[in-house]
Amino acid sequence: MSLKGRINELANKHRKLDETIHEEQKRPSADALRLKRLKREKLHIKEELQLLKAS
């Protein structure tokens, strides 16, 4: 996979995670553990995106 393709794939995954996080936060009984896991994964993807864009 090309670098641009990988960046696009990660950007899409980052956006989907953001949507999932917002949907979970809207729920009256949001699962705090799930939110933490989703946010950690989103942050990891963001860091990887920054590294790829810098190279």
PDB file of N, CA and C in Angstrom:
ATOM      1  N   MET A   1       0.846  -1.169   0.000  1.00  0.00           N
ATOM      2  CA  MET A   1       0.000   0.000   0.000  1.00  0.00           C
ATOM      3  C   MET A   1       0.900   1.243   0.000  1.00  0.00           C
ATOM      4  N   SER A   2       0.476   2.215  -0.747  1.00  0.00           N
ATOM      5  CA  SER A   2       1.260   3.445  -0.809  1.00  0.00           C
ATOM      6  C   SER A   2       1.098   4.260   0.470  1.00  0.00           C
ATOM      7  N   LEU A   3       2.010   5.184   0.646  1.00  0.00           N
ATOM      8  CA  LEU A   3       1.966   6.048   1.828  1.00  0.00           C
ATOM      9  C   LEU A   3       0.661   6.844   1.860  1.00  0.00           C
ATOM     10  N   LYS A   4       0.286   7.386   0.702  1.00  0.00           N
ATOM     11  CA  LYS A   4      -0.959   8.175   0.633  1.00  0.00           C
ATOM     12  C   LYS A   4      -2.177   7.306   0.952  1.00  0.00           C
ATOM     13  N   GLY A   5      -2.152   6.072   0.471  1.00  0.00           N
ATOM     14  CA  GLY A   5      -3.249   5.150   0.754  1.00  0.00           C
ATOM     15  C   GLY A   5      -3.353   4.841   2.234  1.00  0.00           C
ATOM     16  N   ARG A   6      -2.212   4.626   2.863  1.00  0.00           N
ATOM     17  CA  ARG A   6      -2.191   4.343   4.313  1.00  0.00           C
ATOM     18  C   ARG A   6      -2.701   5.541   5.102  1.00  0.00           C
ATOM     19  N   ILE A   7      -2.284   6.744   4.694  1.00  0.00           N
ATOM     20  CA  ILE A   7      -2.746   7.969   5.366  1.00  0.00           C
ATOM     21  C   ILE A   7      -4.255   8.098   5.233  1.00  0.00           C
ATOM     22  N   ASN A   8      -4.779   7.856   4.038  1.00  0.00           N
ATOM     23  CA  ASN A   8      -6.235   7.943   3.827  1.00  0.00           C
ATOM     24  C   ASN A   8      -6.988   6.914   4.658  1.00  0.00           C
ATOM     25  N   GLU A   9      -6.434   5.700   4.717  1.00  0.00           N
ATOM     26  CA  GLU A   9      -7.055   4.637   5.509  1.00  0.00           C
ATOM     27  C   GLU A   9      -7.104   5.015   6.988  1.00  0.00           C
ATOM     28  N   LEU A  10      -6.000   5.526   7.503  1.00  0.00           N
ATOM     29  CA  LEU A  10      -5.955   5.928   8.913  1.00  0.00           C
ATOM     30  C   LEU A  10      -6.866   7.114   9.184  1.00  0.00           C
ATOM     31  N   ALA A  11      -6.914   8.071   8.250  1.00  0.00           N
ATOM     32  CA  ALA A  11      -7.785   9.237   8.424  1.00  0.00           C
ATOM     33  C   ALA A  11      -9.249   8.810   8.483  1.00  0.00           C
ATOM     34  N   ASN A  12      -9.638   7.860   7.641  1.00  0.00           N
ATOM     35  CA  ASN A  12     -11.019   7.360   7.662  1.00  0.00           C
ATOM     36  C   ASN A  12     -11.322   6.650   8.973  1.00  0.00           C
ATOM     37  N   LYS A  13     -10.383   5.842   9.426  1.00  0.00           N
ATOM     38  CA  LYS A  13     -10.574   5.129  10.698  1.00  0.00           C
ATOM     39  C   LYS A  13     -10.672   6.122  11.857  1.00  0.00           C
ATOM     40  N   HIS A  14      -9.850   7.169  11.822  1.00  0.00           N
ATOM     41  CA  HIS A  14      -9.863   8.212  12.855  1.00  0.00           C
ATOM     42  C   HIS A  14     -11.230   8.899  12.884  1.00  0.00           C
ATOM     43  N   ARG A  15     -11.754   9.222  11.715  1.00  0.00           N
ATOM     44  CA  ARG A  15     -13.056   9.895  11.626  1.00  0.00           C
ATOM     45  C   ARG A  15     -14.181   8.997  12.142  1.00  0.00           C
ATOM     46  N   LYS A  16     -14.131   7.701  11.783  1.00  0.00           N
ATOM     47  CA  LYS A  16     -15.154   6.761  12.251  1.00  0.00           C
ATOM     48  C   LYS A  16     -15.097   6.593  13.763  1.00  0.00           C
ATOM     49  N   LEU A  17     -13.892   6.548  14.319  1.00  0.00           N
ATOM     50  CA  LEU A  17     -13.758   6.453  15.769  1.00  0.00           C
ATOM     51  C   LEU A  17     -14.332   7.691  16.447  1.00  0.00           C
ATOM     52  N   ASP A  18     -14.094   8.853  15.852  1.00  0.00           N
ATOM     53  CA  ASP A  18     -14.628  10.100  16.398  1.00  0.00           C
ATOM     54  C   ASP A  18     -16.156  10.054  16.433  1.00  0.00           C
ATOM     55  N   GLU A  19     -16.756   9.569  15.352  1.00  0.00           N
ATOM     56  CA  GLU A  19     -18.216   9.446  15.293  1.00  0.00           C
ATOM     57  C   GLU A  19     -18.722   8.459  16.344  1.00  0.00           C
ATOM     58  N   THR A  20     -18.013   7.351  16.494  1.00  0.00           N
ATOM     59  CA  THR A  20     -18.408   6.343  17.482  1.00  0.00           C
ATOM     60  C   THR A  20     -18.321   6.905  18.896  1.00  0.00           C
ATOM     61  N   ILE A  21     -17.274   7.663  19.166  1.00  0.00           N
ATOM     62  CA  ILE A  21     -17.107   8.283  20.483  1.00  0.00           C
ATOM     63  C   ILE A  21     -18.248   9.248  20.766  1.00  0.00           C
ATOM     64  N   HIS A  22     -18.582  10.075  19.790  1.00  0.00           N
ATOM     65  CA  HIS A  22     -19.676  11.033  19.985  1.00  0.00           C
ATOM     66  C   HIS A  22     -21.009  10.320  20.224  1.00  0.00           C
ATOM     67  N   GLU A  23     -21.249   9.235  19.484  1.00  0.00           N
ATOM     68  CA  GLU A  23     -22.490   8.483  19.677  1.00  0.00           C
ATOM     69  C   GLU A  23     -22.533   7.857  21.075  1.00  0.00           C
ATOM     70  N   GLU A  24     -21.409   7.317  21.522  1.00  0.00           N
ATOM     71  CA  GLU A  24     -21.351   6.705  22.851  1.00  0.00           C
ATOM     72  C   GLU A  24     -21.582   7.755  23.941  1.00  0.00           C
ATOM     73  N   GLN A  25     -21.034   8.949  23.754  1.00  0.00           N
ATOM     74  CA  GLN A  25     -21.183  10.013  24.749  1.00  0.00           C
ATOM     75  C   GLN A  25     -22.621  10.520  24.837  1.00  0.00           C
ATOM     76  N   LYS A  26     -23.379  10.369  23.771  1.00  0.00           N
ATOM     77  CA  LYS A  26     -24.779  10.816  23.763  1.00  0.00           C
ATOM     78  C   LYS A  26     -25.671   9.899  24.596  1.00  0.00           C
ATOM     79  N   ARG A  27     -25.246   8.644  24.728  1.00  0.00           N
ATOM     80  CA  ARG A  27     -26.051   7.681  25.469  1.00  0.00           C
ATOM     81  C   ARG A  27     -26.129   8.066  26.945  1.00  0.00           C
ATOM     82  N   PRO A  28     -27.298   7.904  27.544  1.00  0.00           N
ATOM     83  CA  PRO A  28     -27.439   8.245  28.972  1.00  0.00           C
ATOM     84  C   PRO A  28     -26.531   7.408  29.873  1.00  0.00           C
ATOM     85  N   SER A  29     -26.314   6.169  29.494  1.00  0.00           N
ATOM     86  CA  SER A  29     -25.456   5.304  30.322  1.00  0.00           C
ATOM     87  C   SER A  29     -24.195   4.940  29.530  1.00  0.00           C
ATOM     88  N   ALA A  30     -23.437   5.945  29.160  1.00  0.00           N
ATOM     89  CA  ALA A  30     -22.230   5.730  28.369  1.00  0.00           C
ATOM     90  C   ALA A  30     -21.253   4.822  29.110  1.00  0.00           C
ATOM     91  N   ASP A  31     -20.643   3.926  28.387  1.00  0.00           N
ATOM     92  CA  ASP A  31     -19.687   2.983  28.948  1.00  0.00           C
ATOM     93  C   ASP A  31     -18.319   3.673  29.026  1.00  0.00           C
ATOM     94  N   ALA A  32     -17.914   4.045  30.228  1.00  0.00           N
ATOM     95  CA  ALA A  32     -16.672   4.792  30.427  1.00  0.00           C
ATOM     96  C   ALA A  32     -15.454   3.998  29.972  1.00  0.00           C
ATOM     97  N   LEU A  33     -15.463   2.706  30.185  1.00  0.00           N
ATOM     98  CA  LEU A  33     -14.333   1.869  29.789  1.00  0.00           C
ATOM     99  C   LEU A  33     -14.219   1.798  28.262  1.00  0.00           C
ATOM    100  N   ARG A  34     -15.347   1.661  27.594  1.00  0.00           N
ATOM    101  CA  ARG A  34     -15.350   1.639  26.123  1.00  0.00           C
ATOM    102  C   ARG A  34     -14.879   2.980  25.574  1.00  0.00           C
ATOM    103  N   LEU A  35     -15.354   4.074  26.172  1.00  0.00           N
ATOM    104  CA  LEU A  35     -14.937   5.402  25.732  1.00  0.00           C
ATOM    105  C   LEU A  35     -13.428   5.579  25.872  1.00  0.00           C
ATOM    106  N   LYS A  36     -12.892   5.127  26.978  1.00  0.00           N
ATOM    107  CA  LYS A  36     -11.454   5.240  27.207  1.00  0.00           C
ATOM    108  C   LYS A  36     -10.670   4.462  26.153  1.00  0.00           C
ATOM    109  N   ARG A  37     -11.136   3.249  25.844  1.00  0.00           N
ATOM    110  CA  ARG A  37     -10.477   2.416  24.842  1.00  0.00           C
ATOM    111  C   ARG A  37     -10.544   3.067  23.460  1.00  0.00           C
ATOM    112  N   LEU A  38     -11.714   3.598  23.106  1.00  0.00           N
ATOM    113  CA  LEU A  38     -11.885   4.257  21.808  1.00  0.00           C
ATOM    114  C   LEU A  38     -11.003   5.500  21.684  1.00  0.00           C
ATOM    115  N   LYS A  39     -10.945   6.271  22.750  1.00  0.00           N
ATOM    116  CA  LYS A  39     -10.123   7.487  22.727  1.00  0.00           C
ATOM    117  C   LYS A  39      -8.646   7.148  22.629  1.00  0.00           C
ATOM    118  N   ARG A  40      -8.228   6.097  23.304  1.00  0.00           N
ATOM    119  CA  ARG A  40      -6.823   5.675  23.243  1.00  0.00           C
ATOM    120  C   ARG A  40      -6.473   5.231  21.826  1.00  0.00           C
ATOM    121  N   GLU A  41      -7.371   4.474  21.208  1.00  0.00           N
ATOM    122  CA  GLU A  41      -7.146   4.017  19.837  1.00  0.00           C
ATOM    123  C   GLU A  41      -7.104   5.206  18.866  1.00  0.00           C
ATOM    124  N   LYS A  42      -8.001   6.160  19.071  1.00  0.00           N
ATOM    125  CA  LYS A  42      -8.037   7.357  18.227  1.00  0.00           C
ATOM    126  C   LYS A  42      -6.732   8.142  18.354  1.00  0.00           C
ATOM    127  N   LEU A  43      -6.232   8.277  19.562  1.00  0.00           N
ATOM    128  CA  LEU A  43      -4.981   8.988  19.791  1.00  0.00           C
ATOM    129  C   LEU A  43      -3.813   8.267  19.120  1.00  0.00           C
ATOM    130  N   HIS A  44      -3.794   6.953  19.213  1.00  0.00           N
ATOM    131  CA  HIS A  44      -2.739   6.167  18.578  1.00  0.00           C
ATOM    132  C   HIS A  44      -2.749   6.402  17.058  1.00  0.00           C
ATOM    133  N   ILE A  45      -3.925   6.410  16.468  1.00  0.00           N
ATOM    134  CA  ILE A  45      -4.048   6.637  15.029  1.00  0.00           C
ATOM    135  C   ILE A  45      -3.593   8.052  14.675  1.00  0.00           C
ATOM    136  N   LYS A  46      -3.963   9.012  15.499  1.00  0.00           N
ATOM    137  CA  LYS A  46      -3.549  10.392  15.254  1.00  0.00           C
ATOM    138  C   LYS A  46      -2.029  10.523  15.264  1.00  0.00           C
ATOM    139  N   GLU A  47      -1.399   9.875  16.230  1.00  0.00           N
ATOM    140  CA  GLU A  47       0.063   9.919  16.321  1.00  0.00           C
ATOM    141  C   GLU A  47       0.706   9.268  15.093  1.00  0.00           C
ATOM    142  N   GLU A  48       0.149   8.145  14.672  1.00  0.00           N
ATOM    143  CA  GLU A  48       0.685   7.469  13.494  1.00  0.00           C
ATOM    144  C   GLU A  48       0.510   8.340  12.244  1.00  0.00           C
ATOM    145  N   LEU A  49      -0.637   8.999  12.134  1.00  0.00           N
ATOM    146  CA  LEU A  49      -0.881   9.904  11.002  1.00  0.00           C
ATOM    147  C   LEU A  49       0.161  11.036  10.985  1.00  0.00           C
ATOM    148  N   GLN A  50       0.430  11.604  12.126  1.00  0.00           N
ATOM    149  CA  GLN A  50       1.405  12.686  12.191  1.00  0.00           C
ATOM    150  C   GLN A  50       2.788  12.213  11.763  1.00  0.00           C
ATOM    151  N   LEU A  51       3.166  11.023  12.179  1.00  0.00           N
ATOM    152  CA  LEU A  51       4.461  10.474  11.787  1.00  0.00           C
ATOM    153  C   LEU A  51       4.538  10.245  10.272  1.00  0.00           C
ATOM    154  N   LEU A  52       3.468   9.697   9.713  1.00  0.00           N
ATOM    155  CA  LEU A  52       3.454   9.422   8.286  1.00  0.00           C
ATOM    156  C   LEU A  52       3.476  10.713   7.458  1.00  0.00           C
ATOM    157  N   LYS A  53       2.737  11.714   7.921  1.00  0.00           N
ATOM    158  CA  LYS A  53       2.697  12.981   7.188  1.00  0.00           C
ATOM    159  C   LYS A  53       4.029  13.711   7.268  1.00  0.00           C
ATOM    160  N   ALA A  54       4.773  13.496   8.339  1.00  0.00           N
ATOM    161  CA  ALA A  54       6.056  14.161   8.506  1.00  0.00           C
ATOM    162  C   ALA A  54       7.140  13.529   7.625  1.00  0.00           C
ATOM    163  N   SER A  55       6.910  12.277   7.240  1.00  0.00           N
ATOM    164  CA  SER A  55       7.947  11.599   6.439  1.00  0.00           C
ATOM    165  C   SER A  55       7.796  11.839   4.955  1.00  0.00           C
TER     166      SER A  55
END
